[in-house]
């Protein structure tokens, strides 16, 4: 009985860790790279890649003078423009965290088209 419980707890821990890992990979990596990792294919090595990160200087000071809805409008306007440019130039948007925006581009197979 004790052995079965230990085995069950271990399986649950492995499953939870696998789910967390998948979640992190899906947030940070392009879908094609995640697929390669999940199928055991060694991910492509990129000879040329560009990573862009923005951090809005003075954001804390600006945000402290605005209402919460105004802060959201401000961020949405700026990041919306970034998203449009990323789509236009086929740049992979990695994530946004607070006032930071992270994106990248490389040769295939970073995304379906680039």
PDB file of N, CA and C in Angstrom:
ATOM      1  N   UNK A   1       0.836  -1.207   0.000  1.00  0.00           N
ATOM      2  CA  UNK A   1       0.000   0.000   0.000  1.00  0.00           C
ATOM      3  C   UNK A   1       0.875   1.263   0.000  1.00  0.00           C
ATOM      4  N   UNK A   2       1.881   1.279   0.859  1.00  0.00           N
ATOM      5  CA  UNK A   2       2.779   2.442   0.956  1.00  0.00           C
ATOM      6  C   UNK A   2       3.539   2.660  -0.362  1.00  0.00           C
ATOM      7  N   UNK A   3       3.947   1.557  -0.989  1.00  0.00           N
ATOM      8  CA  UNK A   3       4.671   1.645  -2.251  1.00  0.00           C
ATOM      9  C   UNK A   3       3.788   2.235  -3.344  1.00  0.00           C
ATOM     10  N   UNK A   4       2.529   1.824  -3.390  1.00  0.00           N
ATOM     11  CA  UNK A   4       1.593   2.364  -4.382  1.00  0.00           C
ATOM     12  C   UNK A   4       1.362   3.857  -4.173  1.00  0.00           C
ATOM     13  N   UNK A   5       1.249   4.275  -2.925  1.00  0.00           N
ATOM     14  CA  UNK A   5       1.067   5.711  -2.637  1.00  0.00           C
ATOM     15  C   UNK A   5       2.282   6.508  -3.062  1.00  0.00           C
ATOM     16  N   UNK A   6       3.456   5.991  -2.746  1.00  0.00           N
ATOM     17  CA  UNK A   6       4.694   6.683  -3.131  1.00  0.00           C
ATOM     18  C   UNK A   6       4.806   6.779  -4.645  1.00  0.00           C
ATOM     19  N   UNK A   7       4.478   5.704  -5.328  1.00  0.00           N
ATOM     20  CA  UNK A   7       4.528   5.694  -6.785  1.00  0.00           C
ATOM     21  C   UNK A   7       3.531   6.704  -7.360  1.00  0.00           C
ATOM     22  N   UNK A   8       2.315   6.737  -6.788  1.00  0.00           N
ATOM     23  CA  UNK A   8       1.290   7.666  -7.250  1.00  0.00           C
ATOM     24  C   UNK A   8       1.741   9.116  -7.036  1.00  0.00           C
ATOM     25  N   UNK A   9       2.293   9.417  -5.866  1.00  0.00           N
ATOM     26  CA  UNK A   9       2.774  10.771  -5.573  1.00  0.00           C
ATOM     27  C   UNK A   9       3.897  11.164  -6.536  1.00  0.00           C
ATOM     28  N   UNK A  10       4.771  10.214  -6.813  1.00  0.00           N
ATOM     29  CA  UNK A  10       5.871  10.489  -7.745  1.00  0.00           C
ATOM     30  C   UNK A  10       5.337  10.772  -9.145  1.00  0.00           C
ATOM     31  N   UNK A  11       4.366   9.988  -9.590  1.00  0.00           N
ATOM     32  CA  UNK A  11       3.769  10.194 -10.909  1.00  0.00           C
ATOM     33  C   UNK A  11       3.083  11.549 -10.992  1.00  0.00           C
ATOM     34  N   UNK A  12       2.391  11.928  -9.925  1.00  0.00           N
ATOM     35  CA  UNK A  12       1.724  13.238  -9.898  1.00  0.00           C
ATOM     36  C   UNK A  12       2.749  14.366  -9.958  1.00  0.00           C
ATOM     37  N   UNK A  13       3.865  14.211  -9.246  1.00  0.00           N
ATOM     38  CA  UNK A  13       4.911  15.229  -9.251  1.00  0.00           C
ATOM     39  C   UNK A  13       5.535  15.357 -10.637  1.00  0.00           C
ATOM     40  N   UNK A  14       5.780  14.233 -11.294  1.00  0.00           N
ATOM     41  CA  UNK A  14       6.343  14.254 -12.650  1.00  0.00           C
ATOM     42  C   UNK A  14       5.364  14.922 -13.606  1.00  0.00           C
ATOM     43  N   UNK A  15       4.089  14.591 -13.502  1.00  0.00           N
ATOM     44  CA  UNK A  15       3.072  15.183 -14.373  1.00  0.00           C
ATOM     45  C   UNK A  15       2.981  16.693 -14.168  1.00  0.00           C
ATOM     46  N   UNK A  16       3.006  17.132 -12.907  1.00  0.00           N
ATOM     47  CA  UNK A  16       2.935  18.570 -12.619  1.00  0.00           C
ATOM     48  C   UNK A  16       4.156  19.295 -13.176  1.00  0.00           C
ATOM     49  N   UNK A  17       5.319  18.695 -13.031  1.00  0.00           N
ATOM     50  CA  UNK A  17       6.549  19.297 -13.551  1.00  0.00           C
ATOM     51  C   UNK A  17       6.518  19.362 -15.072  1.00  0.00           C
ATOM     52  N   UNK A  18       6.020  18.313 -15.704  1.00  0.00           N
ATOM     53  CA  UNK A  18       5.906  18.287 -17.161  1.00  0.00           C
ATOM     54  C   UNK A  18       4.964  19.386 -17.645  1.00  0.00           C
ATOM     55  N   UNK A  19       3.845  19.564 -16.964  1.00  0.00           N
ATOM     56  CA  UNK A  19       2.895  20.617 -17.339  1.00  0.00           C
ATOM     57  C   UNK A  19       3.520  22.005 -17.186  1.00  0.00           C
ATOM     58  N   UNK A  20       4.240  22.226 -16.091  1.00  0.00           N
ATOM     59  CA  UNK A  20       4.893  23.523 -15.876  1.00  0.00           C
ATOM     60  C   UNK A  20       5.925  23.789 -16.958  1.00  0.00           C
ATOM     61  N   UNK A  21       6.712  22.768 -17.279  1.00  0.00           N
ATOM     62  CA  UNK A  21       7.734  22.912 -18.311  1.00  0.00           C
ATOM     63  C   UNK A  21       7.097  23.234 -19.653  1.00  0.00           C
ATOM     64  N   UNK A  22       6.035  22.528 -20.006  1.00  0.00           N
ATOM     65  CA  UNK A  22       5.335  22.787 -21.270  1.00  0.00           C
ATOM     66  C   UNK A  22       4.790  24.202 -21.310  1.00  0.00           C
ATOM     67  N   UNK A  23       4.235  24.643 -20.206  1.00  0.00           N
ATOM     68  CA  UNK A  23       3.680  25.997 -20.130  1.00  0.00           C
ATOM     69  C   UNK A  23       4.775  27.037 -20.363  1.00  0.00           C
ATOM     70  N   UNK A  24       5.914  26.850 -19.718  1.00  0.00           N
ATOM     71  CA  UNK A  24       7.029  27.791 -19.880  1.00  0.00           C
ATOM     72  C   UNK A  24       7.540  27.774 -21.312  1.00  0.00           C
ATOM     73  N   UNK A  25       7.733  26.574 -21.857  1.00  0.00           N
ATOM     74  CA  UNK A  25       8.199  26.476 -23.245  1.00  0.00           C
ATOM     75  C   UNK A  25       7.232  27.157 -24.207  1.00  0.00           C
ATOM     76  N   UNK A  26       5.933  26.922 -24.025  1.00  0.00           N
ATOM     77  CA  UNK A  26       4.931  27.511 -24.917  1.00  0.00           C
ATOM     78  C   UNK A  26       4.877  29.030 -24.807  1.00  0.00           C
ATOM     79  N   UNK A  27       5.220  29.559 -23.641  1.00  0.00           N
ATOM     80  CA  UNK A  27       5.226  31.011 -23.476  1.00  0.00           C
ATOM     81  C   UNK A  27       6.459  31.647 -24.115  1.00  0.00           C
ATOM     82  N   UNK A  28       7.590  30.955 -24.055  1.00  0.00           N
ATOM     83  CA  UNK A  28       8.840  31.580 -24.450  1.00  0.00           C
ATOM     84  C   UNK A  28       9.393  31.163 -25.804  1.00  0.00           C
ATOM     85  N   UNK A  29       8.920  30.048 -26.334  1.00  0.00           N
ATOM     86  CA  UNK A  29       9.496  29.536 -27.573  1.00  0.00           C
ATOM     87  C   UNK A  29       8.466  29.542 -28.701  1.00  0.00           C
ATOM     88  N   UNK A  30       8.942  29.711 -29.920  1.00  0.00           N
ATOM     89  CA  UNK A  30       8.045  29.596 -31.068  1.00  0.00           C
ATOM     90  C   UNK A  30       7.481  28.174 -31.155  1.00  0.00           C
ATOM     91  N   UNK A  31       6.254  28.027 -31.644  1.00  0.00           N
ATOM     92  CA  UNK A  31       5.618  26.697 -31.709  1.00  0.00           C
ATOM     93  C   UNK A  31       6.445  25.637 -32.432  1.00  0.00           C
ATOM     94  N   UNK A  32       7.120  26.000 -33.517  1.00  0.00           N
ATOM     95  CA  UNK A  32       7.904  25.004 -34.254  1.00  0.00           C
ATOM     96  C   UNK A  32       9.081  24.485 -33.423  1.00  0.00           C
ATOM     97  N   UNK A  33       9.683  25.335 -32.627  1.00  0.00           N
ATOM     98  CA  UNK A  33      10.792  24.911 -31.769  1.00  0.00           C
ATOM     99  C   UNK A  33      10.264  23.993 -30.667  1.00  0.00           C
ATOM    100  N   UNK A  34       9.119  24.331 -30.083  1.00  0.00           N
ATOM    101  CA  UNK A  34       8.513  23.484 -29.045  1.00  0.00           C
ATOM    102  C   UNK A  34       8.190  22.110 -29.607  1.00  0.00           C
ATOM    103  N   UNK A  35       7.635  22.063 -30.829  1.00  0.00           N
ATOM    104  CA  UNK A  35       7.325  20.779 -31.461  1.00  0.00           C
ATOM    105  C   UNK A  35       8.586  19.935 -31.616  1.00  0.00           C
ATOM    106  N   UNK A  36       9.666  20.563 -32.042  1.00  0.00           N
ATOM    107  CA  UNK A  36      10.920  19.836 -32.200  1.00  0.00           C
ATOM    108  C   UNK A  36      11.398  19.271 -30.866  1.00  0.00           C
ATOM    109  N   UNK A  37      11.333  20.074 -29.827  1.00  0.00           N
ATOM    110  CA  UNK A  37      11.766  19.618 -28.510  1.00  0.00           C
ATOM    111  C   UNK A  37      10.911  18.463 -28.008  1.00  0.00           C
ATOM    112  N   UNK A  38       9.607  18.537 -28.236  1.00  0.00           N
ATOM    113  CA  UNK A  38       8.700  17.498 -27.749  1.00  0.00           C
ATOM    114  C   UNK A  38       8.839  16.190 -28.511  1.00  0.00           C
ATOM    115  N   UNK A  39       9.281  16.250 -29.765  1.00  0.00           N
ATOM    116  CA  UNK A  39       9.427  15.026 -30.544  1.00  0.00           C
ATOM    117  C   UNK A  39      10.841  14.466 -30.490  1.00  0.00           C
ATOM    118  N   UNK A  40      11.704  15.124 -29.713  1.00  0.00           N
ATOM    119  CA  UNK A  40      13.064  14.624 -29.552  1.00  0.00           C
ATOM    120  C   UNK A  40      14.025  15.068 -30.632  1.00  0.00           C
ATOM    121  N   UNK A  41      13.565  15.919 -31.536  1.00  0.00           N
ATOM    122  CA  UNK A  41      14.438  16.441 -32.584  1.00  0.00           C
ATOM    123  C   UNK A  41      15.323  17.518 -31.964  1.00  0.00           C
ATOM    124  N   UNK A  42      16.594  17.475 -32.264  1.00  0.00           N
ATOM    125  CA  UNK A  42      17.492  18.507 -31.769  1.00  0.00           C
ATOM    126  C   UNK A  42      17.115  19.821 -32.449  1.00  0.00           C
ATOM    127  N   UNK A  43      16.837  20.862 -31.647  1.00  0.00           N
ATOM    128  CA  UNK A  43      16.423  22.136 -32.243  1.00  0.00           C
ATOM    129  C   UNK A  43      17.468  22.688 -33.205  1.00  0.00           C
ATOM    130  N   UNK A  44      16.960  23.408 -34.177  1.00  0.00           N
ATOM    131  CA  UNK A  44      17.780  24.052 -35.196  1.00  0.00           C
ATOM    132  C   UNK A  44      18.751  25.038 -34.551  1.00  0.00           C
ATOM    133  N   UNK A  45      19.953  25.107 -35.066  1.00  0.00           N
ATOM    134  CA  UNK A  45      20.905  26.130 -34.624  1.00  0.00           C
ATOM    135  C   UNK A  45      20.789  27.313 -35.572  1.00  0.00           C
ATOM    136  N   UNK A  46      20.713  28.494 -34.999  1.00  0.00           N
ATOM    137  CA  UNK A  46      20.555  29.695 -35.797  1.00  0.00           C
ATOM    138  C   UNK A  46      21.897  30.408 -35.944  1.00  0.00           C
ATOM    139  N   UNK A  47      22.265  30.681 -37.170  1.00  0.00           N
ATOM    140  CA  UNK A  47      23.506  31.417 -37.408  1.00  0.00           C
ATOM    141  C   UNK A  47      23.296  32.909 -37.208  1.00  0.00           C
ATOM    142  N   UNK A  48      22.103  33.368 -37.536  1.00  0.00           N
ATOM    143  CA  UNK A  48      21.800  34.794 -37.422  1.00  0.00           C
ATOM    144  C   UNK A  48      20.452  34.948 -36.731  1.00  0.00           C
ATOM    145  N   UNK A  49      20.439  35.742 -35.708  1.00  0.00           N
ATOM    146  CA  UNK A  49      19.187  36.014 -34.992  1.00  0.00           C
ATOM    147  C   UNK A  49      19.268  37.416 -34.399  1.00  0.00           C
ATOM    148  N   UNK A  50      18.127  38.027 -34.276  1.00  0.00           N
ATOM    149  CA  UNK A  50      18.050  39.347 -33.663  1.00  0.00           C
ATOM    150  C   UNK A  50      16.998  39.294 -32.566  1.00  0.00           C
ATOM    151  N   UNK A  51      17.356  39.766 -31.407  1.00  0.00           N
ATOM    152  CA  UNK A  51      16.439  39.842 -30.270  1.00  0.00           C
ATOM    153  C   UNK A  51      16.236  41.322 -29.959  1.00  0.00           C
ATOM    154  N   UNK A  52      14.997  41.716 -29.794  1.00  0.00           N
ATOM    155  CA  UNK A  52      14.680  43.098 -29.447  1.00  0.00           C
ATOM    156  C   UNK A  52      13.954  43.123 -28.111  1.00  0.00           C
ATOM    157  N   UNK A  53      14.434  43.975 -27.234  1.00  0.00           N
ATOM    158  CA  UNK A  53      13.764  44.143 -25.951  1.00  0.00           C
ATOM    159  C   UNK A  53      13.567  45.634 -25.718  1.00  0.00           C
ATOM    160  N   UNK A  54      12.362  45.979 -25.315  1.00  0.00           N
ATOM    161  CA  UNK A  54      12.111  47.379 -24.985  1.00  0.00           C
ATOM    162  C   UNK A  54      11.730  47.466 -23.519  1.00  0.00           C
ATOM    163  N   UNK A  55      12.143  48.533 -22.915  1.00  0.00           N
ATOM    164  CA  UNK A  55      11.756  48.835 -21.547  1.00  0.00           C
ATOM    165  C   UNK A  55      11.413  50.317 -21.547  1.00  0.00           C
ATOM    166  N   UNK A  56      10.210  50.644 -21.157  1.00  0.00           N
ATOM    167  CA  UNK A  56       9.756  52.031 -21.240  1.00  0.00           C
ATOM    168  C   UNK A  56      10.396  52.873 -20.132  1.00  0.00           C
ATOM    169  N   UNK A  57      11.331  53.721 -20.527  1.00  0.00           N
ATOM    170  CA  UNK A  57      12.025  54.584 -19.558  1.00  0.00           C
ATOM    171  C   UNK A  57      11.032  55.538 -18.896  1.00  0.00           C
ATOM    172  N   UNK A  58      11.114  55.616 -17.596  1.00  0.00           N
ATOM    173  CA  UNK A  58      10.243  56.523 -16.843  1.00  0.00           C
ATOM    174  C   UNK A  58       8.828  56.006 -16.671  1.00  0.00           C
ATOM    175  N   UNK A  59       8.598  54.734 -16.989  1.00  0.00           N
ATOM    176  CA  UNK A  59       7.240  54.186 -16.923  1.00  0.00           C
ATOM    177  C   UNK A  59       6.646  54.279 -15.519  1.00  0.00           C
ATOM    178  N   UNK A  60       7.423  53.950 -14.507  1.00  0.00           N
ATOM    179  CA  UNK A  60       6.907  53.975 -13.134  1.00  0.00           C
ATOM    180  C   UNK A  60       6.443  55.377 -12.761  1.00  0.00           C
ATOM    181  N   UNK A  61       7.233  56.380 -13.120  1.00  0.00           N
ATOM    182  CA  UNK A  61       6.862  57.769 -12.816  1.00  0.00           C
ATOM    183  C   UNK A  61       5.605  58.176 -13.584  1.00  0.00           C
ATOM    184  N   UNK A  62       5.564  57.807 -14.859  1.00  0.00           N
ATOM    185  CA  UNK A  62       4.393  58.141 -15.687  1.00  0.00           C
ATOM    186  C   UNK A  62       3.149  57.435 -15.152  1.00  0.00           C
ATOM    187  N   UNK A  63       3.286  56.138 -14.865  1.00  0.00           N
ATOM    188  CA  UNK A  63       2.144  55.343 -14.409  1.00  0.00           C
ATOM    189  C   UNK A  63       1.610  55.829 -13.070  1.00  0.00           C
ATOM    190  N   UNK A  64       2.495  56.326 -12.220  1.00  0.00           N
ATOM    191  CA  UNK A  64       2.050  56.789 -10.897  1.00  0.00           C
ATOM    192  C   UNK A  64       1.169  58.028 -10.996  1.00  0.00           C
ATOM    193  N   UNK A  65       1.260  58.752 -12.111  1.00  0.00           N
ATOM    194  CA  UNK A  65       0.460  59.960 -12.290  1.00  0.00           C
ATOM    195  C   UNK A  65      -0.845  59.689 -13.048  1.00  0.00           C
ATOM    196  N   UNK A  66      -1.071  58.435 -13.460  1.00  0.00           N
ATOM    197  CA  UNK A  66      -2.258  58.104 -14.244  1.00  0.00           C
ATOM    198  C   UNK A  66      -3.194  57.185 -13.462  1.00  0.00           C
ATOM    199  N   UNK A  67      -4.452  57.170 -13.880  1.00  0.00           N
ATOM    200  CA  UNK A  67      -5.405  56.198 -13.343  1.00  0.00           C
ATOM    201  C   UNK A  67      -5.086  54.835 -13.949  1.00  0.00           C
ATOM    202  N   UNK A  68      -5.485  53.732 -13.298  1.00  0.00           N
ATOM    203  CA  UNK A  68      -5.201  52.395 -13.837  1.00  0.00           C
ATOM    204  C   UNK A  68      -5.681  52.198 -15.275  1.00  0.00           C
ATOM    205  N   UNK A  69      -6.878  52.696 -15.604  1.00  0.00           N
ATOM    206  CA  UNK A  69      -7.369  52.524 -16.974  1.00  0.00           C
ATOM    207  C   UNK A  69      -6.527  53.310 -17.972  1.00  0.00           C
ATOM    208  N   UNK A  70      -5.991  54.460 -17.552  1.00  0.00           N
ATOM    209  CA  UNK A  70      -5.122  55.246 -18.429  1.00  0.00           C
ATOM    210  C   UNK A  70      -3.780  54.535 -18.650  1.00  0.00           C
ATOM    211  N   UNK A  71      -3.283  53.868 -17.605  1.00  0.00           N
ATOM    212  CA  UNK A  71      -2.041  53.096 -17.741  1.00  0.00           C
ATOM    213  C   UNK A  71      -2.242  51.980 -18.760  1.00  0.00           C
ATOM    214  N   UNK A  72      -3.368  51.270 -18.643  1.00  0.00           N
ATOM    215  CA  UNK A  72      -3.658  50.194 -19.593  1.00  0.00           C
ATOM    216  C   UNK A  72      -3.788  50.727 -21.021  1.00  0.00           C
ATOM    217  N   UNK A  73      -4.465  51.846 -21.185  1.00  0.00           N
ATOM    218  CA  UNK A  73      -4.598  52.441 -22.521  1.00  0.00           C
ATOM    219  C   UNK A  73      -3.225  52.807 -23.091  1.00  0.00           C
ATOM    220  N   UNK A  74      -2.369  53.376 -22.245  1.00  0.00           N
ATOM    221  CA  UNK A  74      -1.018  53.784 -22.637  1.00  0.00           C
ATOM    222  C   UNK A  74      -0.208  52.569 -23.103  1.00  0.00           C
ATOM    223  N   UNK A  75      -0.192  51.517 -22.279  1.00  0.00           N
ATOM    224  CA  UNK A  75       0.551  50.288 -22.619  1.00  0.00           C
ATOM    225  C   UNK A  75      -0.043  49.635 -23.866  1.00  0.00           C
ATOM    226  N   UNK A  76      -1.364  49.552 -23.928  1.00  0.00           N
ATOM    227  CA  UNK A  76      -2.011  48.926 -25.099  1.00  0.00           C
ATOM    228  C   UNK A  76      -1.697  49.672 -26.388  1.00  0.00           C
ATOM    229  N   UNK A  77      -1.639  50.973 -26.326  1.00  0.00           N
ATOM    230  CA  UNK A  77      -1.329  51.753 -27.528  1.00  0.00           C
ATOM    231  C   UNK A  77       0.091  51.466 -28.013  1.00  0.00           C
ATOM    232  N   UNK A  78       1.042  51.482 -27.088  1.00  0.00           N
ATOM    233  CA  UNK A  78       2.443  51.259 -27.467  1.00  0.00           C
ATOM    234  C   UNK A  78       2.655  49.812 -27.915  1.00  0.00           C
ATOM    235  N   UNK A  79       2.214  48.860 -27.094  1.00  0.00           N
ATOM    236  CA  UNK A  79       2.432  47.455 -27.435  1.00  0.00           C
ATOM    237  C   UNK A  79       1.585  47.017 -28.627  1.00  0.00           C
ATOM    238  N   UNK A  80       0.448  47.664 -28.829  1.00  0.00           N
ATOM    239  CA  UNK A  80      -0.356  47.398 -30.017  1.00  0.00           C
ATOM    240  C   UNK A  80       0.410  47.782 -31.280  1.00  0.00           C
ATOM    241  N   UNK A  81       1.111  48.912 -31.218  1.00  0.00           N
ATOM    242  CA  UNK A  81       1.935  49.334 -32.360  1.00  0.00           C
ATOM    243  C   UNK A  81       3.082  48.343 -32.574  1.00  0.00           C
ATOM    244  N   UNK A  82       3.709  47.887 -31.475  1.00  0.00           N
ATOM    245  CA  UNK A  82       4.770  46.881 -31.579  1.00  0.00           C
ATOM    246  C   UNK A  82       4.225  45.603 -32.218  1.00  0.00           C
ATOM    247  N   UNK A  83       3.042  45.175 -31.771  1.00  0.00           N
ATOM    248  CA  UNK A  83       2.430  43.948 -32.311  1.00  0.00           C
ATOM    249  C   UNK A  83       2.167  44.078 -33.817  1.00  0.00           C
ATOM    250  N   UNK A  84       1.671  45.239 -34.231  1.00  0.00           N
ATOM    251  CA  UNK A  84       1.415  45.457 -35.657  1.00  0.00           C
ATOM    252  C   UNK A  84       2.708  45.372 -36.464  1.00  0.00           C
ATOM    253  N   UNK A  85       3.765  45.991 -35.955  1.00  0.00           N
ATOM    254  CA  UNK A  85       5.059  45.941 -36.648  1.00  0.00           C
ATOM    255  C   UNK A  85       5.617  44.521 -36.647  1.00  0.00           C
ATOM    256  N   UNK A  86       5.458  43.811 -35.547  1.00  0.00           N
ATOM    257  CA  UNK A  86       5.929  42.420 -35.482  1.00  0.00           C
ATOM    258  C   UNK A  86       5.212  41.577 -36.530  1.00  0.00           C
ATOM    259  N   UNK A  87       3.920  41.768 -36.667  1.00  0.00           N
ATOM    260  CA  UNK A  87       3.168  41.032 -37.672  1.00  0.00           C
ATOM    261  C   UNK A  87       3.576  41.402 -39.085  1.00  0.00           C
ATOM    262  N   UNK A  88       3.756  42.697 -39.312  1.00  0.00           N
ATOM    263  CA  UNK A  88       4.135  43.172 -40.644  1.00  0.00           C
ATOM    264  C   UNK A  88       5.494  42.634 -41.081  1.00  0.00           C
ATOM    265  N   UNK A  89       6.441  42.574 -40.136  1.00  0.00           N
ATOM    266  CA  UNK A  89       7.797  42.146 -40.470  1.00  0.00           C
ATOM    267  C   UNK A  89       8.104  40.709 -40.052  1.00  0.00           C
ATOM    268  N   UNK A  90       7.057  39.965 -39.701  1.00  0.00           N
ATOM    269  CA  UNK A  90       7.163  38.556 -39.326  1.00  0.00           C
ATOM    270  C   UNK A  90       8.172  38.322 -38.202  1.00  0.00           C
ATOM    271  N   UNK A  91       8.071  39.152 -37.178  1.00  0.00           N
ATOM    272  CA  UNK A  91       8.904  39.037 -35.990  1.00  0.00           C
ATOM    273  C   UNK A  91       8.128  38.229 -34.965  1.00  0.00           C
ATOM    274  N   UNK A  92       8.805  37.313 -34.287  1.00  0.00           N
ATOM    275  CA  UNK A  92       8.151  36.483 -33.275  1.00  0.00           C
ATOM    276  C   UNK A  92       8.120  37.230 -31.948  1.00  0.00           C
ATOM    277  N   UNK A  93       6.909  37.513 -31.461  1.00  0.00           N
ATOM    278  CA  UNK A  93       6.754  38.164 -30.162  1.00  0.00           C
ATOM    279  C   UNK A  93       6.896  37.092 -29.088  1.00  0.00           C
ATOM    280  N   UNK A  94       7.887  37.262 -28.226  1.00  0.00           N
ATOM    281  CA  UNK A  94       8.115  36.291 -27.163  1.00  0.00           C
ATOM    282  C   UNK A  94       7.152  36.557 -26.013  1.00  0.00           C
ATOM    283  N   UNK A  95       7.199  37.760 -25.458  1.00  0.00           N
ATOM    284  CA  UNK A  95       6.296  38.077 -24.364  1.00  0.00           C
ATOM    285  C   UNK A  95       6.344  39.553 -24.017  1.00  0.00           C
ATOM    286  N   UNK A  96       5.364  39.953 -23.225  1.00  0.00           N
ATOM    287  CA  UNK A  96       5.378  41.262 -22.586  1.00  0.00           C
ATOM    288  C   UNK A  96       5.242  41.013 -21.092  1.00  0.00           C
ATOM    289  N   UNK A  97       6.046  41.728 -20.338  1.00  0.00           N
ATOM    290  CA  UNK A  97       5.975  41.643 -18.882  1.00  0.00           C
ATOM    291  C   UNK A  97       6.022  43.067 -18.369  1.00  0.00           C
ATOM    292  N   UNK A  98       4.921  43.501 -17.762  1.00  0.00           N
ATOM    293  CA  UNK A  98       4.873  44.874 -17.280  1.00  0.00           C
ATOM    294  C   UNK A  98       5.067  45.834 -18.437  1.00  0.00           C
ATOM    295  N   UNK A  99       6.133  46.635 -18.351  1.00  0.00           N
ATOM    296  CA  UNK A  99       6.409  47.598 -19.417  1.00  0.00           C
ATOM    297  C   UNK A  99       7.533  47.122 -20.343  1.00  0.00           C
ATOM    298  N   UNK A 100       7.847  45.833 -20.302  1.00  0.00           N
ATOM    299  CA  UNK A 100       8.901  45.275 -21.169  1.00  0.00           C
ATOM    300  C   UNK A 100       8.276  44.456 -22.299  1.00  0.00           C
ATOM    301  N   UNK A 101       8.872  44.549 -23.471  1.00  0.00           N
ATOM    302  CA  UNK A 101       8.409  43.836 -24.669  1.00  0.00           C
ATOM    303  C   UNK A 101       9.613  43.100 -25.232  1.00  0.00           C
ATOM    304  N   UNK A 102       9.457  41.805 -25.506  1.00  0.00           N
ATOM    305  CA  UNK A 102      10.557  40.986 -26.000  1.00  0.00           C
ATOM    306  C   UNK A 102      10.126  40.279 -27.275  1.00  0.00           C
ATOM    307  N   UNK A 103      10.942  40.399 -28.331  1.00  0.00           N
ATOM    308  CA  UNK A 103      10.631  39.781 -29.621  1.00  0.00           C
ATOM    309  C   UNK A 103      11.927  39.365 -30.304  1.00  0.00           C
ATOM    310  N   UNK A 104      11.801  38.514 -31.318  1.00  0.00           N
ATOM    311  CA  UNK A 104      12.992  38.073 -32.027  1.00  0.00           C
ATOM    312  C   UNK A 104      12.683  37.614 -33.429  1.00  0.00           C
ATOM    313  N   UNK A 105      13.730  37.537 -34.242  1.00  0.00           N
ATOM    314  CA  UNK A 105      13.608  37.052 -35.609  1.00  0.00           C
ATOM    315  C   UNK A 105      14.894  36.305 -35.952  1.00  0.00           C
ATOM    316  N   UNK A 106      14.732  35.240 -36.735  1.00  0.00           N
ATOM    317  CA  UNK A 106      15.867  34.443 -37.204  1.00  0.00           C
ATOM    318  C   UNK A 106      15.434  33.731 -38.474  1.00  0.00           C
ATOM    319  N   UNK A 107      16.367  33.003 -39.072  1.00  0.00           N
ATOM    320  CA  UNK A 107      15.984  32.244 -40.261  1.00  0.00           C
ATOM    321  C   UNK A 107      15.053  31.104 -39.862  1.00  0.00           C
ATOM    322  N   UNK A 108      14.423  30.478 -40.842  1.00  0.00           N
ATOM    323  CA  UNK A 108      13.512  29.365 -40.558  1.00  0.00           C
ATOM    324  C   UNK A 108      14.266  28.279 -39.816  1.00  0.00           C
ATOM    325  N   UNK A 109      13.649  27.540 -38.955  1.00  0.00           N
ATOM    326  CA  UNK A 109      12.231  27.375 -38.694  1.00  0.00           C
ATOM    327  C   UNK A 109      11.754  28.081 -37.432  1.00  0.00           C
ATOM    328  N   UNK A 110      12.112  29.338 -37.225  1.00  0.00           N
ATOM    329  CA  UNK A 110      11.645  30.053 -36.043  1.00  0.00           C
ATOM    330  C   UNK A 110      10.127  30.126 -36.018  1.00  0.00           C
ATOM    331  N   UNK A 111       9.530  30.438 -37.151  1.00  0.00           N
ATOM    332  CA  UNK A 111       8.069  30.440 -37.274  1.00  0.00           C
ATOM    333  C   UNK A 111       7.706  29.788 -38.603  1.00  0.00           C
ATOM    334  N   UNK A 112       6.429  29.657 -38.865  1.00  0.00           N
ATOM    335  CA  UNK A 112       5.978  29.029 -40.112  1.00  0.00           C
ATOM    336  C   UNK A 112       6.592  29.729 -41.335  1.00  0.00           C
ATOM    337  N   UNK A 113       6.633  31.059 -41.309  1.00  0.00           N
ATOM    338  CA  UNK A 113       7.144  31.794 -42.461  1.00  0.00           C
ATOM    339  C   UNK A 113       8.560  32.284 -42.247  1.00  0.00           C
ATOM    340  N   UNK A 114       8.994  32.418 -41.000  1.00  0.00           N
ATOM    341  CA  UNK A 114      10.357  32.844 -40.712  1.00  0.00           C
ATOM    342  C   UNK A 114      10.719  32.462 -39.297  1.00  0.00           C
TER     343      UNK A 114
END
